[in-house]
Amino acid sequence: MKYFGTVKTFDPDKGLGSLKPETGGDDLYFERSAISWDAPKDISVGQRLSYDRGMVDSQPCAVNLARI
């Protein structure tokens, strides 16, 4: 199942960011490796993305990020 959210923060140097789910709840963090397209620096705050939910170190995160 795909979810949708808005990029809240992204640091291209560190490759880390956070996403605000449209369904509400806590922000989900993501790493550059979760981005499904070739130019991960193209992410901007406020951009709407689709994603899947995953877990890293027992913490929820966003994976398989895709532009919509």
Protein backbone atom coordinates (compact mmCIF):
# COMPACT_ATOMS: atom_id res chain seq x y z
CA MET A 1 0.00 0.00 0.00
CA LYS A 2 1.32 3.41 -0.98
CA TYR A 3 1.09 6.34 1.39
CA PHE A 4 1.46 10.04 0.65
CA GLY A 5 3.23 12.80 2.52
CA THR A 6 5.00 16.12 2.28
CA VAL A 7 8.72 16.67 2.72
CA LYS A 8 9.21 18.60 5.96
CA THR A 9 13.03 18.70 6.00
CA PHE A 10 15.88 17.44 3.82
CA ASP A 11 19.64 17.91 4.22
CA PRO A 12 21.26 16.96 0.89
CA ASP A 13 24.75 16.90 2.42
CA LYS A 14 23.78 14.35 5.09
CA GLY A 15 21.17 12.62 2.93
CA LEU A 16 18.58 12.70 5.71
CA GLY A 17 15.09 14.12 5.82
CA SER A 18 11.64 13.90 7.34
CA LEU A 19 8.22 13.47 5.85
CA LYS A 20 4.83 14.53 7.24
CA PRO A 21 2.25 11.82 6.47
CA GLU A 22 -1.05 13.03 4.98
CA THR A 23 -2.90 10.65 7.29
CA GLY A 24 -1.46 12.44 10.33
CA GLY A 25 0.71 11.06 13.06
CA ASP A 26 4.41 11.46 13.75
CA ASP A 27 6.86 12.53 11.08
CA LEU A 28 8.70 9.73 9.32
CA TYR A 29 12.41 9.96 8.68
CA PHE A 30 14.11 8.82 5.50
CA GLU A 31 17.61 8.35 4.13
CA ARG A 32 18.92 9.11 0.66
CA SER A 33 18.91 5.36 -0.08
CA ALA A 34 15.07 5.37 0.22
CA ILE A 35 14.73 7.67 -2.82
CA SER A 36 13.69 5.81 -5.97
CA TRP A 37 14.91 8.28 -8.63
CA ASP A 38 18.44 9.14 -9.80
CA ALA A 39 18.76 12.73 -8.55
CA PRO A 40 18.03 12.66 -4.79
CA LYS A 41 19.14 16.28 -4.37
CA ASP A 42 15.99 17.24 -6.31
CA ILE A 43 13.92 16.88 -3.13
CA SER A 44 12.53 20.14 -1.80
CA VAL A 45 10.63 21.07 1.34
CA GLY A 46 6.90 21.02 0.65
CA GLN A 47 7.19 18.45 -2.15
CA ARG A 48 4.50 15.74 -2.13
CA LEU A 49 5.80 12.18 -2.42
CA SER A 50 4.48 8.65 -2.24
CA TYR A 51 6.19 6.14 0.03
CA ASP A 52 5.97 2.80 1.75
CA ARG A 53 6.36 2.34 5.48
CA GLY A 54 9.43 0.56 6.76
CA MET A 55 11.47 0.05 9.92
CA VAL A 56 15.09 0.93 10.71
CA ASP A 57 16.52 0.05 14.12
CA SER A 58 12.98 -0.59 15.40
CA GLN A 59 11.89 2.91 14.32
CA PRO A 60 9.26 3.61 11.62
CA CYS A 61 10.60 5.30 8.50
CA ALA A 62 9.63 6.10 4.90
CA VAL A 63 11.07 3.89 2.13
CA ASN A 64 10.63 3.66 -1.66
CA LEU A 65 10.03 7.42 -1.97
CA ALA A 66 8.66 8.39 -5.38
CA ARG A 67 7.66 11.65 -7.05
CA ILE A 68 3.99 11.98 -7.94
